[in-house]
Amino acid sequence: DAQTEQLQIGPYSWMPFPHVDFWLQQDDKQILENLS
C-alpha cells in the first residue's frame, strides 16, 4: 500500500499440501524433475 507505505501479508488460507511427506522424502533429482 503506497499510501501508508506498508507491506501487507495475508491473511492467507490454503488446503493441506497433497502428499507433502512423500515429497519431503524425495531426493534432489526427483524434486527438480517434478516440482520445477
PDB file of all heavy atoms in Angstrom:
ATOM      1  N   ASP A   1       0.863  -1.183   0.000  1.00  0.00           N
ATOM      2  CA  ASP A   1       0.000   0.000   0.000  1.00  0.00           C
ATOM      3  C   ASP A   1       0.897   1.230   0.000  1.00  0.00           C
ATOM      4  O   ASP A   1       1.517   1.562   1.021  1.00  0.00           O
ATOM      5  CB  ASP A   1      -0.905  -0.011   1.234  1.00  0.00           C
ATOM      6  CG  ASP A   1      -1.919   1.135   1.236  1.00  0.00           C
ATOM      7  OD1 ASP A   1      -1.678   2.162   0.574  1.00  0.00           O
ATOM      8  OD2 ASP A   1      -2.961   1.002   1.909  1.00  0.00           O
ATOM      9  N   ALA A   2       0.982   1.893  -1.145  1.00  0.00           N
ATOM     10  CA  ALA A   2       1.899   3.026  -1.273  1.00  0.00           C
ATOM     11  C   ALA A   2       1.434   4.236  -0.466  1.00  0.00           C
ATOM     12  O   ALA A   2       2.248   5.101  -0.120  1.00  0.00           O
ATOM     13  CB  ALA A   2       2.053   3.408  -2.742  1.00  0.00           C
ATOM     14  N   GLN A   3       0.154   4.327  -0.172  1.00  0.00           N
ATOM     15  CA  GLN A   3      -0.342   5.465   0.607  1.00  0.00           C
ATOM     16  C   GLN A   3       0.135   5.389   2.051  1.00  0.00           C
ATOM     17  O   GLN A   3       0.573   6.390   2.633  1.00  0.00           O
ATOM     18  CB  GLN A   3      -1.863   5.522   0.555  1.00  0.00           C
ATOM     19  CG  GLN A   3      -2.413   5.926  -0.820  1.00  0.00           C
ATOM     20  CD  GLN A   3      -3.911   6.172  -0.778  1.00  0.00           C
ATOM     21  OE1 GLN A   3      -4.620   5.624   0.064  1.00  0.00           O
ATOM     22  NE2 GLN A   3      -4.392   7.019  -1.677  1.00  0.00           N
ATOM     23  N   THR A   4       0.051   4.198   2.635  1.00  0.00           N
ATOM     24  CA  THR A   4       0.514   4.026   4.018  1.00  0.00           C
ATOM     25  C   THR A   4       1.972   3.585   4.083  1.00  0.00           C
ATOM     26  O   THR A   4       2.550   3.539   5.175  1.00  0.00           O
ATOM     27  CB  THR A   4      -0.351   2.983   4.747  1.00  0.00           C
ATOM     28  OG1 THR A   4      -0.236   1.715   4.067  1.00  0.00           O
ATOM     29  CG2 THR A   4      -1.817   3.407   4.757  1.00  0.00           C
ATOM     30  N   GLU A   5       2.546   3.244   2.912  1.00  0.00           N
ATOM     31  CA  GLU A   5       3.913   2.733   2.805  1.00  0.00           C
ATOM     32  C   GLU A   5       4.095   1.482   3.674  1.00  0.00           C
ATOM     33  O   GLU A   5       5.088   1.309   4.375  1.00  0.00           O
ATOM     34  CB  GLU A   5       4.932   3.817   3.169  1.00  0.00           C
ATOM     35  CG  GLU A   5       4.848   5.027   2.234  1.00  0.00           C
ATOM     36  CD  GLU A   5       5.922   6.071   2.478  1.00  0.00           C
ATOM     37  OE1 GLU A   5       6.759   5.879   3.379  1.00  0.00           O
ATOM     38  OE2 GLU A   5       5.917   7.096   1.761  1.00  0.00           O
ATOM     39  N   GLN A   6       3.099   0.602   3.591  1.00  0.00           N
ATOM     40  CA  GLN A   6       3.113  -0.631   4.369  1.00  0.00           C
ATOM     41  C   GLN A   6       3.006  -1.847   3.458  1.00  0.00           C
ATOM     42  O   GLN A   6       2.261  -1.834   2.474  1.00  0.00           O
ATOM     43  CB  GLN A   6       1.954  -0.651   5.371  1.00  0.00           C
ATOM     44  CG  GLN A   6       2.062   0.400   6.461  1.00  0.00           C
ATOM     45  CD  GLN A   6       0.866   0.389   7.396  1.00  0.00           C
ATOM     46  OE1 GLN A   6      -0.067  -0.397   7.233  1.00  0.00           O
ATOM     47  NE2 GLN A   6       0.883   1.262   8.388  1.00  0.00           N
ATOM     48  N   LEU A   7       3.746  -2.885   3.801  1.00  0.00           N
ATOM     49  CA  LEU A   7       3.655  -4.177   3.137  1.00  0.00           C
ATOM     50  C   LEU A   7       2.641  -5.023   3.900  1.00  0.00           C
ATOM     51  O   LEU A   7       2.762  -5.196   5.120  1.00  0.00           O
ATOM     52  CB  LEU A   7       5.016  -4.862   3.124  1.00  0.00           C
ATOM     53  CG  LEU A   7       5.108  -6.238   2.468  1.00  0.00           C
ATOM     54  CD1 LEU A   7       4.942  -6.112   0.962  1.00  0.00           C
ATOM     55  CD2 LEU A   7       6.440  -6.901   2.795  1.00  0.00           C
ATOM     56  N   GLN A   8       1.645  -5.520   3.198  1.00  0.00           N
ATOM     57  CA  GLN A   8       0.598  -6.318   3.828  1.00  0.00           C
ATOM     58  C   GLN A   8       0.717  -7.767   3.392  1.00  0.00           C
ATOM     59  O   GLN A   8       0.698  -8.069   2.201  1.00  0.00           O
ATOM     60  CB  GLN A   8      -0.788  -5.782   3.474  1.00  0.00           C
ATOM     61  CG  GLN A   8      -1.923  -6.625   4.031  1.00  0.00           C
ATOM     62  CD  GLN A   8      -3.291  -6.016   3.825  1.00  0.00           C
ATOM     63  OE1 GLN A   8      -3.489  -4.823   4.014  1.00  0.00           O
ATOM     64  NE2 GLN A   8      -4.246  -6.850   3.437  1.00  0.00           N
ATOM     65  N   ILE A   9       0.808  -8.668   4.359  1.00  0.00           N
ATOM     66  CA  ILE A   9       0.923 -10.098   4.094  1.00  0.00           C
ATOM     67  C   ILE A   9      -0.294 -10.799   4.688  1.00  0.00           C
ATOM     68  O   ILE A   9      -0.502 -10.794   5.900  1.00  0.00           O
ATOM     69  CB  ILE A   9       2.216 -10.668   4.695  1.00  0.00           C
ATOM     70  CG1 ILE A   9       3.434  -9.974   4.082  1.00  0.00           C
ATOM     71  CG2 ILE A   9       2.296 -12.168   4.499  1.00  0.00           C
ATOM     72  CD1 ILE A   9       4.741 -10.339   4.735  1.00  0.00           C
ATOM     73  N   GLY A  10      -1.092 -11.372   3.823  1.00  0.00           N
ATOM     74  CA  GLY A  10      -2.268 -12.113   4.258  1.00  0.00           C
ATOM     75  C   GLY A  10      -3.462 -11.246   4.591  1.00  0.00           C
ATOM     76  O   GLY A  10      -3.482 -10.050   4.272  1.00  0.00           O
ATOM     77  N   PRO A  11      -4.442 -11.851   5.296  1.00  0.00           N
ATOM     78  CA  PRO A  11      -4.416 -13.244   5.745  1.00  0.00           C
ATOM     79  C   PRO A  11      -4.608 -14.231   4.596  1.00  0.00           C
ATOM     80  O   PRO A  11      -5.370 -13.965   3.676  1.00  0.00           O
ATOM     81  CB  PRO A  11      -5.584 -13.313   6.733  1.00  0.00           C
ATOM     82  CG  PRO A  11      -6.521 -12.229   6.294  1.00  0.00           C
ATOM     83  CD  PRO A  11      -5.655 -11.147   5.730  1.00  0.00           C
ATOM     84  N   TYR A  12      -3.875 -15.339   4.653  1.00  0.00           N
ATOM     85  CA  TYR A  12      -3.929 -16.369   3.627  1.00  0.00           C
ATOM     86  C   TYR A  12      -4.584 -17.635   4.178  1.00  0.00           C
ATOM     87  O   TYR A  12      -4.545 -17.904   5.377  1.00  0.00           O
ATOM     88  CB  TYR A  12      -2.521 -16.763   3.146  1.00  0.00           C
ATOM     89  CG  TYR A  12      -1.662 -15.646   2.627  1.00  0.00           C
ATOM     90  CD1 TYR A  12      -0.282 -15.669   2.834  1.00  0.00           C
ATOM     91  CD2 TYR A  12      -2.206 -14.580   1.915  1.00  0.00           C
ATOM     92  CE1 TYR A  12       0.531 -14.655   2.346  1.00  0.00           C
ATOM     93  CE2 TYR A  12      -1.400 -13.562   1.436  1.00  0.00           C
ATOM     94  CZ  TYR A  12      -0.031 -13.602   1.665  1.00  0.00           C
ATOM     95  OH  TYR A  12       0.767 -12.608   1.184  1.00  0.00           O
ATOM     96  N   SER A  13      -5.128 -18.408   3.277  1.00  0.00           N
ATOM     97  CA  SER A  13      -5.590 -19.752   3.625  1.00  0.00           C
ATOM     98  C   SER A  13      -5.227 -20.680   2.478  1.00  0.00           C
ATOM     99  O   SER A  13      -5.142 -20.257   1.323  1.00  0.00           O
ATOM    100  CB  SER A  13      -7.107 -19.774   3.867  1.00  0.00           C
ATOM    101  OG  SER A  13      -7.806 -19.442   2.679  1.00  0.00           O
ATOM    102  N   TRP A  14      -4.965 -21.934   2.812  1.00  0.00           N
ATOM    103  CA  TRP A  14      -4.706 -22.945   1.782  1.00  0.00           C
ATOM    104  C   TRP A  14      -5.089 -24.310   2.328  1.00  0.00           C
ATOM    105  O   TRP A  14      -5.200 -24.515   3.532  1.00  0.00           O
ATOM    106  CB  TRP A  14      -3.253 -22.933   1.313  1.00  0.00           C
ATOM    107  CG  TRP A  14      -2.219 -23.067   2.404  1.00  0.00           C
ATOM    108  CD1 TRP A  14      -1.981 -24.140   3.213  1.00  0.00           C
ATOM    109  CD2 TRP A  14      -1.257 -22.081   2.805  1.00  0.00           C
ATOM    110  NE1 TRP A  14      -0.944 -23.905   4.077  1.00  0.00           N
ATOM    111  CE2 TRP A  14      -0.484 -22.643   3.856  1.00  0.00           C
ATOM    112  CE3 TRP A  14      -0.965 -20.791   2.373  1.00  0.00           C
ATOM    113  CZ2 TRP A  14       0.560 -21.949   4.470  1.00  0.00           C
ATOM    114  CZ3 TRP A  14       0.057 -20.107   2.985  1.00  0.00           C
ATOM    115  CH2 TRP A  14       0.805 -20.681   4.014  1.00  0.00           C
ATOM    116  N   MET A  15      -5.320 -25.221   1.399  1.00  0.00           N
ATOM    117  CA  MET A  15      -5.595 -26.607   1.781  1.00  0.00           C
ATOM    118  C   MET A  15      -4.276 -27.300   2.111  1.00  0.00           C
ATOM    119  O   MET A  15      -3.223 -26.909   1.595  1.00  0.00           O
ATOM    120  CB  MET A  15      -6.295 -27.338   0.633  1.00  0.00           C
ATOM    121  CG  MET A  15      -7.645 -26.752   0.240  1.00  0.00           C
ATOM    122  SD  MET A  15      -8.857 -26.913   1.560  1.00  0.00           S
ATOM    123  CE  MET A  15      -9.096 -28.704   1.554  1.00  0.00           C
ATOM    124  N   PRO A  16      -4.300 -28.314   2.982  1.00  0.00           N
ATOM    125  CA  PRO A  16      -3.067 -29.071   3.252  1.00  0.00           C
ATOM    126  C   PRO A  16      -2.424 -29.535   1.953  1.00  0.00           C
ATOM    127  O   PRO A  16      -3.099 -30.044   1.060  1.00  0.00           O
ATOM    128  CB  PRO A  16      -3.556 -30.253   4.098  1.00  0.00           C
ATOM    129  CG  PRO A  16      -4.781 -29.728   4.790  1.00  0.00           C
ATOM    130  CD  PRO A  16      -5.435 -28.804   3.791  1.00  0.00           C
ATOM    131  N   PHE A  17      -1.120 -29.340   1.838  1.00  0.00           N
ATOM    132  CA  PHE A  17      -0.416 -29.664   0.595  1.00  0.00           C
ATOM    133  C   PHE A  17      -0.469 -31.172   0.370  1.00  0.00           C
ATOM    134  O   PHE A  17      -0.090 -31.957   1.253  1.00  0.00           O
ATOM    135  CB  PHE A  17       1.027 -29.184   0.661  1.00  0.00           C
ATOM    136  CG  PHE A  17       1.713 -29.157  -0.675  1.00  0.00           C
ATOM    137  CD1 PHE A  17       1.557 -28.071  -1.520  1.00  0.00           C
ATOM    138  CD2 PHE A  17       2.514 -30.216  -1.095  1.00  0.00           C
ATOM    139  CE1 PHE A  17       2.190 -28.035  -2.759  1.00  0.00           C
ATOM    140  CE2 PHE A  17       3.138 -30.192  -2.325  1.00  0.00           C
ATOM    141  CZ  PHE A  17       2.975 -29.091  -3.158  1.00  0.00           C
ATOM    142  N   PRO A  18      -0.901 -31.622  -0.823  1.00  0.00           N
ATOM    143  CA  PRO A  18      -1.058 -33.068  -1.061  1.00  0.00           C
ATOM    144  C   PRO A  18       0.282 -33.806  -1.043  1.00  0.00           C
ATOM    145  O   PRO A  18       1.248 -33.369  -1.654  1.00  0.00           O
ATOM    146  CB  PRO A  18      -1.725 -33.134  -2.437  1.00  0.00           C
ATOM    147  CG  PRO A  18      -1.416 -31.827  -3.088  1.00  0.00           C
ATOM    148  CD  PRO A  18      -1.344 -30.821  -1.980  1.00  0.00           C
ATOM    149  N   HIS A  19       0.327 -34.900  -0.312  1.00  0.00           N
ATOM    150  CA  HIS A  19       1.486 -35.812  -0.277  1.00  0.00           C
ATOM    151  C   HIS A  19       2.762 -35.099   0.166  1.00  0.00           C
ATOM    152  O   HIS A  19       3.847 -35.395  -0.340  1.00  0.00           O
ATOM    153  CB  HIS A  19       1.697 -36.454  -1.648  1.00  0.00           C
ATOM    154  CG  HIS A  19       0.445 -37.013  -2.263  1.00  0.00           C
ATOM    155  ND1 HIS A  19      -0.276 -38.036  -1.691  1.00  0.00           N
ATOM    156  CD2 HIS A  19      -0.223 -36.664  -3.401  1.00  0.00           C
ATOM    157  CE1 HIS A  19      -1.324 -38.312  -2.462  1.00  0.00           C
ATOM    158  NE2 HIS A  19      -1.321 -37.497  -3.496  1.00  0.00           N
ATOM    159  N   VAL A  20       2.637 -34.167   1.107  1.00  0.00           N
ATOM    160  CA  VAL A  20       3.806 -33.380   1.499  1.00  0.00           C
ATOM    161  C   VAL A  20       4.907 -34.263   2.075  1.00  0.00           C
ATOM    162  O   VAL A  20       6.103 -34.042   1.804  1.00  0.00           O
ATOM    163  CB  VAL A  20       3.403 -32.257   2.484  1.00  0.00           C
ATOM    164  CG1 VAL A  20       2.880 -32.828   3.800  1.00  0.00           C
ATOM    165  CG2 VAL A  20       4.554 -31.305   2.736  1.00  0.00           C
ATOM    166  N   ASP A  21       4.552 -35.287   2.856  1.00  0.00           N
ATOM    167  CA  ASP A  21       5.577 -36.175   3.414  1.00  0.00           C
ATOM    168  C   ASP A  21       6.302 -36.955   2.317  1.00  0.00           C
ATOM    169  O   ASP A  21       7.516 -37.177   2.394  1.00  0.00           O
ATOM    170  CB  ASP A  21       4.939 -37.153   4.411  1.00  0.00           C
ATOM    171  CG  ASP A  21       4.520 -36.478   5.704  1.00  0.00           C
ATOM    172  OD1 ASP A  21       5.287 -35.624   6.187  1.00  0.00           O
ATOM    173  OD2 ASP A  21       3.436 -36.786   6.218  1.00  0.00           O
ATOM    174  N   PHE A  22       5.558 -37.359   1.310  1.00  0.00           N
ATOM    175  CA  PHE A  22       6.169 -38.067   0.179  1.00  0.00           C
ATOM    176  C   PHE A  22       7.216 -37.184  -0.495  1.00  0.00           C
ATOM    177  O   PHE A  22       8.346 -37.632  -0.763  1.00  0.00           O
ATOM    178  CB  PHE A  22       5.088 -38.473  -0.819  1.00  0.00           C
ATOM    179  CG  PHE A  22       5.620 -38.948  -2.141  1.00  0.00           C
ATOM    180  CD1 PHE A  22       6.086 -40.242  -2.303  1.00  0.00           C
ATOM    181  CD2 PHE A  22       5.671 -38.081  -3.237  1.00  0.00           C
ATOM    182  CE1 PHE A  22       6.591 -40.671  -3.527  1.00  0.00           C
ATOM    183  CE2 PHE A  22       6.168 -38.504  -4.462  1.00  0.00           C
ATOM    184  CZ  PHE A  22       6.635 -39.805  -4.604  1.00  0.00           C
ATOM    185  N   TRP A  23       6.854 -35.927  -0.764  1.00  0.00           N
ATOM    186  CA  TRP A  23       7.792 -35.046  -1.468  1.00  0.00           C
ATOM    187  C   TRP A  23       9.022 -34.749  -0.615  1.00  0.00           C
ATOM    188  O   TRP A  23      10.133 -34.642  -1.128  1.00  0.00           O
ATOM    189  CB  TRP A  23       7.090 -33.748  -1.871  1.00  0.00           C
ATOM    190  CG  TRP A  23       6.120 -33.943  -2.995  1.00  0.00           C
ATOM    191  CD1 TRP A  23       4.772 -33.775  -2.970  1.00  0.00           C
ATOM    192  CD2 TRP A  23       6.447 -34.379  -4.318  1.00  0.00           C
ATOM    193  NE1 TRP A  23       4.228 -34.073  -4.194  1.00  0.00           N
ATOM    194  CE2 TRP A  23       5.231 -34.448  -5.041  1.00  0.00           C
ATOM    195  CE3 TRP A  23       7.629 -34.721  -4.967  1.00  0.00           C
ATOM    196  CZ2 TRP A  23       5.172 -34.846  -6.369  1.00  0.00           C
ATOM    197  CZ3 TRP A  23       7.577 -35.118  -6.302  1.00  0.00           C
ATOM    198  CH2 TRP A  23       6.365 -35.172  -6.982  1.00  0.00           C
ATOM    199  N   LEU A  24       8.833 -34.647   0.689  1.00  0.00           N
ATOM    200  CA  LEU A  24       9.968 -34.357   1.561  1.00  0.00           C
ATOM    201  C   LEU A  24      10.946 -35.531   1.629  1.00  0.00           C
ATOM    202  O   LEU A  24      12.117 -35.352   1.978  1.00  0.00           O
ATOM    203  CB  LEU A  24       9.470 -34.010   2.963  1.00  0.00           C
ATOM    204  CG  LEU A  24       8.862 -32.610   3.098  1.00  0.00           C
ATOM    205  CD1 LEU A  24       8.157 -32.448   4.435  1.00  0.00           C
ATOM    206  CD2 LEU A  24       9.954 -31.540   2.933  1.00  0.00           C
ATOM    207  N   GLN A  25      10.500 -36.718   1.275  1.00  0.00           N
ATOM    208  CA  GLN A  25      11.363 -37.899   1.286  1.00  0.00           C
ATOM    209  C   GLN A  25      12.142 -38.074  -0.023  1.00  0.00           C
ATOM    210  O   GLN A  25      13.059 -38.894  -0.090  1.00  0.00           O
ATOM    211  CB  GLN A  25      10.528 -39.151   1.542  1.00  0.00           C
ATOM    212  CG  GLN A  25       9.909 -39.213   2.931  1.00  0.00           C
ATOM    213  CD  GLN A  25       8.897 -40.330   3.068  1.00  0.00           C
ATOM    214  OE1 GLN A  25       8.677 -41.111   2.134  1.00  0.00           O
ATOM    215  NE2 GLN A  25       8.260 -40.425   4.228  1.00  0.00           N
ATOM    216  N   GLN A  26      11.792 -37.304  -1.036  1.00  0.00           N
ATOM    217  CA  GLN A  26      12.420 -37.485  -2.342  1.00  0.00           C
ATOM    218  C   GLN A  26      13.803 -36.849  -2.395  1.00  0.00           C
ATOM    219  O   GLN A  26      14.089 -35.886  -1.673  1.00  0.00           O
ATOM    220  CB  GLN A  26      11.534 -36.895  -3.445  1.00  0.00           C
ATOM    221  CG  GLN A  26      10.131 -37.484  -3.494  1.00  0.00           C
ATOM    222  CD  GLN A  26      10.148 -38.995  -3.539  1.00  0.00           C
ATOM    223  OE1 GLN A  26      10.702 -39.598  -4.456  1.00  0.00           O
ATOM    224  NE2 GLN A  26       9.550 -39.626  -2.523  1.00  0.00           N
ATOM    225  N   ASP A  27      14.646 -37.387  -3.273  1.00  0.00           N
ATOM    226  CA  ASP A  27      15.980 -36.807  -3.434  1.00  0.00           C
ATOM    227  C   ASP A  27      15.908 -35.559  -4.308  1.00  0.00           C
ATOM    228  O   ASP A  27      14.858 -35.215  -4.859  1.00  0.00           O
ATOM    229  CB  ASP A  27      16.955 -37.837  -4.010  1.00  0.00           C
ATOM    230  CG  ASP A  27      16.533 -38.373  -5.376  1.00  0.00           C
ATOM    231  OD1 ASP A  27      15.765 -37.684  -6.094  1.00  0.00           O
ATOM    232  OD2 ASP A  27      16.964 -39.478  -5.739  1.00  0.00           O
ATOM    233  N   ASP A  28      17.041 -34.874  -4.421  1.00  0.00           N
ATOM    234  CA  ASP A  28      17.079 -33.605  -5.156  1.00  0.00           C
ATOM    235  C   ASP A  28      16.630 -33.772  -6.605  1.00  0.00           C
ATOM    236  O   ASP A  28      15.919 -32.920  -7.150  1.00  0.00           O
ATOM    237  CB  ASP A  28      18.487 -33.017  -5.118  1.00  0.00           C
ATOM    238  CG  ASP A  28      18.891 -32.561  -3.726  1.00  0.00           C
ATOM    239  OD1 ASP A  28      18.071 -32.709  -2.785  1.00  0.00           O
ATOM    240  OD2 ASP A  28      20.024 -32.067  -3.578  1.00  0.00           O
ATOM    241  N   LYS A  29      17.045 -34.875  -7.227  1.00  0.00           N
ATOM    242  CA  LYS A  29      16.723 -35.103  -8.636  1.00  0.00           C
ATOM    243  C   LYS A  29      15.207 -35.184  -8.839  1.00  0.00           C
ATOM    244  O   LYS A  29      14.661 -34.591  -9.778  1.00  0.00           O
ATOM    245  CB  LYS A  29      17.402 -36.371  -9.137  1.00  0.00           C
ATOM    246  CG  LYS A  29      17.197 -36.674 -10.626  1.00  0.00           C
ATOM    247  CD  LYS A  29      18.033 -37.880 -11.033  1.00  0.00           C
ATOM    248  CE  LYS A  29      17.909 -38.162 -12.530  1.00  0.00           C
ATOM    249  NZ  LYS A  29      16.557 -38.668 -12.863  1.00  0.00           N
ATOM    250  N   GLN A  30      14.528 -35.889  -7.962  1.00  0.00           N
ATOM    251  CA  GLN A  30      13.078 -36.036  -8.085  1.00  0.00           C
ATOM    252  C   GLN A  30      12.359 -34.707  -7.865  1.00  0.00           C
ATOM    253  O   GLN A  30      11.378 -34.383  -8.559  1.00  0.00           O
ATOM    254  CB  GLN A  30      12.570 -37.082  -7.089  1.00  0.00           C
ATOM    255  CG  GLN A  30      12.942 -38.508  -7.445  1.00  0.00           C
ATOM    256  CD  GLN A  30      12.336 -38.936  -8.777  1.00  0.00           C
ATOM    257  OE1 GLN A  30      11.183 -38.654  -9.074  1.00  0.00           O
ATOM    258  NE2 GLN A  30      13.143 -39.616  -9.585  1.00  0.00           N
ATOM    259  N   ILE A  31      12.843 -33.929  -6.916  1.00  0.00           N
ATOM    260  CA  ILE A  31      12.229 -32.627  -6.666  1.00  0.00           C
ATOM    261  C   ILE A  31      12.417 -31.709  -7.866  1.00  0.00           C
ATOM    262  O   ILE A  31      11.482 -31.021  -8.306  1.00  0.00           O
ATOM    263  CB  ILE A  31      12.808 -31.994  -5.386  1.00  0.00           C
ATOM    264  CG1 ILE A  31      12.261 -32.744  -4.169  1.00  0.00           C
ATOM    265  CG2 ILE A  31      12.467 -30.503  -5.295  1.00  0.00           C
ATOM    266  CD1 ILE A  31      12.748 -32.227  -2.847  1.00  0.00           C
ATOM    267  N   LEU A  32      13.617 -31.708  -8.429  1.00  0.00           N
ATOM    268  CA  LEU A  32      13.864 -30.877  -9.609  1.00  0.00           C
ATOM    269  C   LEU A  32      12.982 -31.298 -10.780  1.00  0.00           C
ATOM    270  O   LEU A  32      12.363 -30.453 -11.444  1.00  0.00           O
ATOM    271  CB  LEU A  32      15.335 -30.973 -10.017  1.00  0.00           C
ATOM    272  CG  LEU A  32      16.294 -29.986  -9.377  1.00  0.00           C
ATOM    273  CD1 LEU A  32      17.730 -30.364  -9.701  1.00  0.00           C
ATOM    274  CD2 LEU A  32      16.008 -28.566  -9.838  1.00  0.00           C
ATOM    275  N   GLU A  33      12.895 -32.581 -11.032  1.00  0.00           N
ATOM    276  CA  GLU A  33      12.176 -33.060 -12.208  1.00  0.00           C
ATOM    277  C   GLU A  33      10.661 -32.901 -12.079  1.00  0.00           C
ATOM    278  O   GLU A  33       9.973 -32.769 -13.091  1.00  0.00           O
ATOM    279  CB  GLU A  33      12.530 -34.526 -12.472  1.00  0.00           C
ATOM    280  CG  GLU A  33      13.955 -34.728 -12.972  1.00  0.00           C
ATOM    281  CD  GLU A  33      14.264 -36.181 -13.287  1.00  0.00           C
ATOM    282  OE1 GLU A  33      13.412 -37.046 -12.974  1.00  0.00           O
ATOM    283  OE2 GLU A  33      15.344 -36.454 -13.842  1.00  0.00           O
ATOM    284  N   ASN A  34      10.154 -32.894 -10.857  1.00  0.00           N
ATOM    285  CA  ASN A  34       8.710 -32.894 -10.671  1.00  0.00           C
ATOM    286  C   ASN A  34       8.136 -31.583 -10.141  1.00  0.00           C
ATOM    287  O   ASN A  34       6.950 -31.307 -10.346  1.00  0.00           O
ATOM    288  CB  ASN A  34       8.297 -34.027  -9.724  1.00  0.00           C
ATOM    289  CG  ASN A  34       8.484 -35.393 -10.335  1.00  0.00           C
ATOM    290  OD1 ASN A  34       7.650 -35.854 -11.102  1.00  0.00           O
ATOM    291  ND2 ASN A  34       9.588 -36.050  -9.995  1.00  0.00           N
ATOM    292  N   LEU A  35       8.956 -30.766  -9.493  1.00  0.00           N
ATOM    293  CA  LEU A  35       8.447 -29.527  -8.914  1.00  0.00           C
ATOM    294  C   LEU A  35       9.060 -28.287  -9.534  1.00  0.00           C
ATOM    295  O   LEU A  35       8.885 -27.183  -9.028  1.00  0.00           O
ATOM    296  CB  LEU A  35       8.662 -29.529  -7.398  1.00  0.00           C
ATOM    297  CG  LEU A  35       7.922 -30.631  -6.622  1.00  0.00           C
ATOM    298  CD1 LEU A  35       8.196 -30.522  -5.134  1.00  0.00           C
ATOM    299  CD2 LEU A  35       6.418 -30.582  -6.892  1.00  0.00           C
ATOM    300  N   SER A  36       9.757 -28.469 -10.642  1.00  0.00           N
ATOM    301  CA  SER A  36      10.325 -27.343 -11.383  1.00  0.00           C
ATOM    302  C   SER A  36       9.809 -27.362 -12.816  1.00  0.00           C
ATOM    303  O   SER A  36       9.610 -28.433 -13.397  1.00  0.00           O
ATOM    304  CB  SER A  36      11.858 -27.411 -11.407  1.00  0.00           C
ATOM    305  OG  SER A  36      12.387 -26.491 -12.346  1.00  0.00           O
TER     306      SER A  36
END
